[in-house]
Amino acid sequence: MKTKRYCLVIEIKDEFVESYSDIHREPWPEILDSIKGAGAKELLIWIYKNFSIVYYECDDLDGLYEKLGKLDVTKKWNATVGPWFAESPALDGSGSVQTCEKVFDLNQQLAGKLRKY
């Protein structure tokens, strides 16, 4: 399966932006291992105002979330950070996480075709 790239934006409640940033600057080692073990080849997160911009490289985002959703460490992580979101996404593999639509890719378009991922 070819690695795909996903981007999603999650709104964080204003009063939790600092806590959200802090926990991601120093995440629990077991959550890092779990994300990698579930199939993430890359995961980057940026903060812009009160928005978390999340970028993944993996084969299947829903499959990754399905694997993660079964783990106790992920349940604990989601219970911690979930209330910080304006609207908490279902990170369970159900396909309900909305990703951003890619509309430009320099290298793909130079090669002649824009691909979805």
N, C-alpha and C. Protein backbone atom coordinates (compact mmCIF):
# COMPACT_ATOMS: atom_id res chain seq x y z
N MET A 1 0.84 -1.18 0.00
CA MET A 1 0.00 0.00 0.00
C MET A 1 0.89 1.25 0.00
N LYS A 2 0.51 2.23 -0.75
CA LYS A 2 1.27 3.47 -0.86
C LYS A 2 0.97 4.39 0.33
N THR A 3 2.01 4.98 0.87
CA THR A 3 1.84 5.92 1.96
C THR A 3 1.04 7.14 1.48
N LYS A 4 0.09 7.53 2.30
CA LYS A 4 -0.74 8.69 2.00
C LYS A 4 -0.44 9.80 3.00
N ARG A 5 -0.77 11.02 2.61
CA ARG A 5 -0.57 12.17 3.48
C ARG A 5 -1.92 12.77 3.82
N TYR A 6 -2.12 13.02 5.10
CA TYR A 6 -3.39 13.55 5.59
C TYR A 6 -3.12 14.81 6.42
N CYS A 7 -4.01 15.76 6.33
CA CYS A 7 -3.95 16.95 7.17
C CYS A 7 -5.33 17.19 7.75
N LEU A 8 -5.38 17.50 9.03
CA LEU A 8 -6.65 17.85 9.65
C LEU A 8 -6.44 19.02 10.59
N VAL A 9 -7.49 19.75 10.80
CA VAL A 9 -7.45 20.93 11.66
C VAL A 9 -8.50 20.73 12.75
N ILE A 10 -8.05 20.89 13.99
CA ILE A 10 -8.95 20.71 15.13
C ILE A 10 -8.92 21.99 15.96
N GLU A 11 -10.09 22.51 16.26
CA GLU A 11 -10.17 23.72 17.08
C GLU A 11 -10.02 23.36 18.55
N ILE A 12 -9.17 24.10 19.22
CA ILE A 12 -8.92 23.91 20.65
C ILE A 12 -9.59 25.05 21.41
N LYS A 13 -10.23 24.72 22.50
CA LYS A 13 -10.80 25.77 23.34
C LYS A 13 -9.67 26.70 23.80
N ASP A 14 -9.92 27.99 23.74
CA ASP A 14 -8.88 28.98 24.03
C ASP A 14 -8.13 28.72 25.32
N GLU A 15 -8.85 28.34 26.35
CA GLU A 15 -8.22 28.18 27.66
C GLU A 15 -7.32 26.94 27.75
N PHE A 16 -7.33 26.08 26.72
CA PHE A 16 -6.51 24.86 26.75
C PHE A 16 -5.38 24.84 25.73
N VAL A 17 -5.19 25.92 24.99
CA VAL A 17 -4.14 25.94 23.95
C VAL A 17 -2.77 25.69 24.56
N GLU A 18 -2.47 26.32 25.66
CA GLU A 18 -1.17 26.14 26.30
C GLU A 18 -0.99 24.71 26.81
N SER A 19 -2.00 24.15 27.45
CA SER A 19 -1.92 22.77 27.94
C SER A 19 -1.74 21.80 26.78
N TYR A 20 -2.50 22.02 25.70
CA TYR A 20 -2.41 21.16 24.52
C TYR A 20 -1.00 21.22 23.93
N SER A 21 -0.46 22.42 23.82
CA SER A 21 0.90 22.58 23.29
C SER A 21 1.92 21.90 24.20
N ASP A 22 1.79 22.11 25.50
CA ASP A 22 2.74 21.52 26.45
C ASP A 22 2.75 20.00 26.40
N ILE A 23 1.57 19.38 26.38
CA ILE A 23 1.53 17.92 26.40
C ILE A 23 2.10 17.33 25.10
N HIS A 24 2.02 18.09 24.01
CA HIS A 24 2.58 17.61 22.75
C HIS A 24 4.09 17.88 22.64
N ARG A 25 4.56 18.87 23.36
CA ARG A 25 6.01 19.10 23.39
C ARG A 25 6.72 18.01 24.20
N GLU A 26 6.03 17.48 25.18
CA GLU A 26 6.59 16.42 26.03
C GLU A 26 5.57 15.31 26.20
N PRO A 27 5.30 14.57 25.11
CA PRO A 27 4.28 13.50 25.17
C PRO A 27 4.78 12.29 25.95
N TRP A 28 3.83 11.49 26.36
CA TRP A 28 4.15 10.26 27.07
C TRP A 28 4.89 9.32 26.10
N PRO A 29 5.99 8.70 26.54
CA PRO A 29 6.73 7.79 25.66
C PRO A 29 5.85 6.65 25.11
N GLU A 30 4.93 6.14 25.93
CA GLU A 30 4.10 5.03 25.47
C GLU A 30 3.11 5.46 24.38
N ILE A 31 2.72 6.74 24.34
CA ILE A 31 1.83 7.18 23.26
C ILE A 31 2.62 7.30 21.97
N LEU A 32 3.88 7.73 22.07
CA LEU A 32 4.73 7.80 20.88
C LEU A 32 4.91 6.41 20.26
N ASP A 33 5.22 5.44 21.10
CA ASP A 33 5.40 4.07 20.62
C ASP A 33 4.11 3.52 20.01
N SER A 34 2.98 3.85 20.61
CA SER A 34 1.68 3.38 20.11
C SER A 34 1.36 3.96 18.74
N ILE A 35 1.62 5.24 18.55
CA ILE A 35 1.34 5.90 17.27
C ILE A 35 2.20 5.28 16.18
N LYS A 36 3.46 5.09 16.46
CA LYS A 36 4.37 4.48 15.48
C LYS A 36 3.94 3.04 15.21
N GLY A 37 3.62 2.29 16.26
CA GLY A 37 3.21 0.90 16.11
C GLY A 37 1.91 0.72 15.36
N ALA A 38 1.05 1.73 15.40
CA ALA A 38 -0.24 1.66 14.69
C ALA A 38 -0.11 1.96 13.21
N GLY A 39 1.08 2.43 12.81
CA GLY A 39 1.31 2.63 11.38
C GLY A 39 1.64 4.04 10.92
N ALA A 40 1.81 4.96 11.85
CA ALA A 40 2.19 6.32 11.45
C ALA A 40 3.66 6.33 11.03
N LYS A 41 3.89 6.82 9.84
CA LYS A 41 5.27 6.97 9.36
C LYS A 41 5.78 8.36 9.71
N GLU A 42 4.84 9.30 9.83
CA GLU A 42 5.15 10.67 10.23
C GLU A 42 3.91 11.28 10.87
N LEU A 43 4.13 12.09 11.87
CA LEU A 43 3.05 12.84 12.51
C LEU A 43 3.65 14.15 12.97
N LEU A 44 3.13 15.25 12.44
CA LEU A 44 3.57 16.58 12.81
C LEU A 44 2.35 17.37 13.27
N ILE A 45 2.53 18.22 14.26
CA ILE A 45 1.44 19.06 14.75
C ILE A 45 1.96 20.48 14.90
N TRP A 46 1.19 21.41 14.35
CA TRP A 46 1.46 22.83 14.51
C TRP A 46 0.29 23.46 15.25
N ILE A 47 0.55 24.57 15.93
CA ILE A 47 -0.50 25.36 16.55
C ILE A 47 -0.56 26.69 15.81
N TYR A 48 -1.75 27.07 15.43
CA TYR A 48 -2.00 28.40 14.87
C TYR A 48 -3.20 28.97 15.60
N LYS A 49 -2.94 30.01 16.38
CA LYS A 49 -3.95 30.60 17.24
C LYS A 49 -4.55 29.49 18.12
N ASN A 50 -5.83 29.15 17.96
CA ASN A 50 -6.40 28.07 18.77
C ASN A 50 -6.76 26.86 17.90
N PHE A 51 -5.94 26.65 16.86
CA PHE A 51 -6.16 25.51 15.97
C PHE A 51 -4.94 24.59 15.98
N SER A 52 -5.20 23.32 16.07
CA SER A 52 -4.17 22.30 15.94
C SER A 52 -4.19 21.82 14.49
N ILE A 53 -3.06 21.94 13.82
CA ILE A 53 -2.94 21.49 12.44
C ILE A 53 -2.11 20.21 12.49
N VAL A 54 -2.75 19.11 12.13
CA VAL A 54 -2.17 17.78 12.29
C VAL A 54 -1.88 17.18 10.91
N TYR A 55 -0.65 16.72 10.73
CA TYR A 55 -0.22 16.13 9.46
C TYR A 55 0.27 14.71 9.72
N TYR A 56 -0.31 13.77 8.99
CA TYR A 56 0.08 12.36 9.09
C TYR A 56 0.61 11.86 7.75
N GLU A 57 1.53 10.94 7.81
CA GLU A 57 1.88 10.08 6.69
C GLU A 57 1.68 8.66 7.19
N CYS A 58 0.78 7.95 6.52
CA CYS A 58 0.49 6.56 6.88
C CYS A 58 -0.23 5.92 5.70
N ASP A 59 -0.43 4.63 5.77
CA ASP A 59 -1.12 3.93 4.69
C ASP A 59 -2.62 4.16 4.73
N ASP A 60 -3.17 4.24 5.94
CA ASP A 60 -4.63 4.37 6.09
C ASP A 60 -4.93 5.03 7.43
N LEU A 61 -5.41 6.25 7.40
CA LEU A 61 -5.67 7.00 8.64
C LEU A 61 -6.74 6.33 9.49
N ASP A 62 -7.83 5.88 8.87
CA ASP A 62 -8.88 5.22 9.64
C ASP A 62 -8.37 3.94 10.30
N GLY A 63 -7.55 3.18 9.57
CA GLY A 63 -6.96 1.97 10.13
C GLY A 63 -6.04 2.28 11.30
N LEU A 64 -5.27 3.35 11.17
CA LEU A 64 -4.39 3.77 12.25
C LEU A 64 -5.20 4.13 13.49
N TYR A 65 -6.27 4.93 13.29
CA TYR A 65 -7.12 5.31 14.42
C TYR A 65 -7.84 4.11 15.02
N GLU A 66 -8.22 3.17 14.19
CA GLU A 66 -8.88 1.97 14.72
C GLU A 66 -7.93 1.20 15.64
N LYS A 67 -6.68 1.03 15.22
CA LYS A 67 -5.69 0.34 16.05
C LYS A 67 -5.44 1.11 17.34
N LEU A 68 -5.25 2.42 17.20
CA LEU A 68 -4.98 3.24 18.39
C LEU A 68 -6.16 3.25 19.36
N GLY A 69 -7.37 3.28 18.82
CA GLY A 69 -8.57 3.37 19.65
C GLY A 69 -8.77 2.19 20.58
N LYS A 70 -8.11 1.09 20.30
CA LYS A 70 -8.24 -0.11 21.12
C LYS A 70 -7.25 -0.14 22.29
N LEU A 71 -6.31 0.76 22.29
CA LEU A 71 -5.24 0.74 23.29
C LEU A 71 -5.60 1.56 24.53
N ASP A 72 -5.27 1.03 25.69
CA ASP A 72 -5.55 1.73 26.95
C ASP A 72 -4.84 3.08 27.02
N VAL A 73 -3.59 3.15 26.53
CA VAL A 73 -2.86 4.41 26.60
C VAL A 73 -3.53 5.48 25.75
N THR A 74 -4.10 5.08 24.62
CA THR A 74 -4.80 6.04 23.76
C THR A 74 -6.09 6.49 24.42
N LYS A 75 -6.79 5.57 25.07
CA LYS A 75 -8.01 5.95 25.78
C LYS A 75 -7.70 6.96 26.88
N LYS A 76 -6.59 6.74 27.58
CA LYS A 76 -6.18 7.66 28.63
C LYS A 76 -5.79 9.02 28.02
N TRP A 77 -5.05 9.00 26.92
CA TRP A 77 -4.64 10.23 26.23
C TRP A 77 -5.87 11.02 25.77
N ASN A 78 -6.81 10.32 25.12
CA ASN A 78 -8.01 10.97 24.61
C ASN A 78 -8.88 11.53 25.74
N ALA A 79 -8.91 10.83 26.87
CA ALA A 79 -9.66 11.33 28.02
C ALA A 79 -9.02 12.60 28.57
N THR A 80 -7.71 12.72 28.42
CA THR A 80 -6.99 13.90 28.88
C THR A 80 -7.19 15.08 27.92
N VAL A 81 -6.91 14.86 26.63
CA VAL A 81 -6.93 15.99 25.68
C VAL A 81 -8.29 16.21 25.02
N GLY A 82 -9.13 15.21 24.97
CA GLY A 82 -10.43 15.33 24.31
C GLY A 82 -11.28 16.50 24.78
N PRO A 83 -11.38 16.72 26.09
CA PRO A 83 -12.18 17.85 26.57
C PRO A 83 -11.62 19.22 26.18
N TRP A 84 -10.38 19.25 25.70
CA TRP A 84 -9.76 20.52 25.32
C TRP A 84 -10.21 20.98 23.94
N PHE A 85 -10.83 20.08 23.17
CA PHE A 85 -11.26 20.43 21.81
C PHE A 85 -12.64 21.08 21.82
N ALA A 86 -12.84 22.01 20.90
CA ALA A 86 -14.16 22.63 20.76
C ALA A 86 -15.18 21.57 20.35
N GLU A 87 -14.76 20.68 19.46
CA GLU A 87 -15.58 19.53 19.05
C GLU A 87 -14.63 18.36 18.93
N SER A 88 -14.77 17.38 19.80
CA SER A 88 -13.82 16.27 19.84
C SER A 88 -14.09 15.28 18.72
N PRO A 89 -13.08 15.04 17.86
CA PRO A 89 -13.26 14.07 16.79
C PRO A 89 -13.26 12.64 17.34
N ALA A 90 -13.95 11.75 16.65
CA ALA A 90 -13.96 10.33 17.04
C ALA A 90 -12.74 9.66 16.44
N LEU A 91 -11.72 9.50 17.25
CA LEU A 91 -10.47 8.90 16.78
C LEU A 91 -10.53 7.39 17.01
N ASP A 92 -11.45 6.75 16.26
CA ASP A 92 -11.71 5.33 16.49
C ASP A 92 -11.73 4.49 15.21
N GLY A 93 -11.41 5.12 14.08
CA GLY A 93 -11.42 4.39 12.82
C GLY A 93 -12.76 4.38 12.13
N SER A 94 -13.72 5.12 12.64
CA SER A 94 -15.07 5.11 12.06
C SER A 94 -15.16 5.92 10.77
N GLY A 95 -14.10 6.63 10.43
CA GLY A 95 -14.13 7.45 9.23
C GLY A 95 -14.74 8.81 9.44
N SER A 96 -15.01 9.17 10.68
CA SER A 96 -15.69 10.43 10.95
C SER A 96 -14.74 11.63 11.06
N VAL A 97 -13.43 11.37 11.07
CA VAL A 97 -12.47 12.47 11.15
C VAL A 97 -12.37 13.12 9.78
N GLN A 98 -12.69 14.40 9.73
CA GLN A 98 -12.63 15.12 8.47
C GLN A 98 -11.22 15.62 8.25
N THR A 99 -10.67 15.31 7.08
CA THR A 99 -9.35 15.78 6.72
C THR A 99 -9.47 16.93 5.73
N CYS A 100 -8.41 17.68 5.61
CA CYS A 100 -8.38 18.80 4.67
C CYS A 100 -8.28 18.27 3.25
N GLU A 101 -8.86 19.01 2.33
CA GLU A 101 -8.77 18.66 0.91
C GLU A 101 -7.48 19.28 0.34
N LYS A 102 -6.66 18.44 -0.27
CA LYS A 102 -5.45 18.93 -0.90
C LYS A 102 -5.81 19.51 -2.26
N VAL A 103 -5.42 20.74 -2.52
CA VAL A 103 -5.74 21.38 -3.79
C VAL A 103 -4.49 21.78 -4.58
N PHE A 104 -3.31 21.59 -3.98
CA PHE A 104 -2.06 21.92 -4.67
C PHE A 104 -0.96 21.04 -4.15
N ASP A 105 -0.14 20.53 -5.05
CA ASP A 105 1.04 19.74 -4.70
C ASP A 105 2.07 20.00 -5.79
N LEU A 106 3.07 20.78 -5.48
CA LEU A 106 4.05 21.21 -6.48
C LEU A 106 4.61 20.06 -7.29
N ASN A 107 5.13 19.05 -6.61
CA ASN A 107 5.78 17.95 -7.32
C ASN A 107 4.81 17.12 -8.13
N GLN A 108 3.63 16.85 -7.57
CA GLN A 108 2.64 16.08 -8.33
C GLN A 108 2.19 16.86 -9.57
N GLN A 109 1.96 18.14 -9.41
CA GLN A 109 1.47 18.92 -10.54
C GLN A 109 2.55 19.15 -11.59
N LEU A 110 3.80 19.26 -11.15
CA LEU A 110 4.89 19.32 -12.13
C LEU A 110 4.96 18.02 -12.93
N ALA A 111 4.62 16.90 -12.26
CA ALA A 111 4.62 15.59 -12.93
C ALA A 111 3.36 15.38 -13.76
N GLY A 112 2.38 16.29 -13.65
CA GLY A 112 1.21 16.22 -14.50
C GLY A 112 -0.09 15.78 -13.87
N LYS A 113 -0.09 15.39 -12.55
CA LYS A 113 -1.35 14.92 -11.97
C LYS A 113 -1.39 15.17 -10.47
N LEU A 114 -2.44 15.86 -10.04
CA LEU A 114 -2.69 16.07 -8.61
C LEU A 114 -3.43 14.84 -8.07
N ARG A 115 -2.85 14.21 -7.05
CA ARG A 115 -3.50 13.06 -6.41
C ARG A 115 -4.11 13.51 -5.08
N LYS A 116 -5.11 12.77 -4.65
CA LYS A 116 -5.85 13.11 -3.43
C LYS A 116 -4.95 13.14 -2.20
N TYR A 117 -4.03 12.20 -2.07
CA TYR A 117 -3.18 12.11 -0.87
C TYR A 117 -1.75 12.45 -1.18
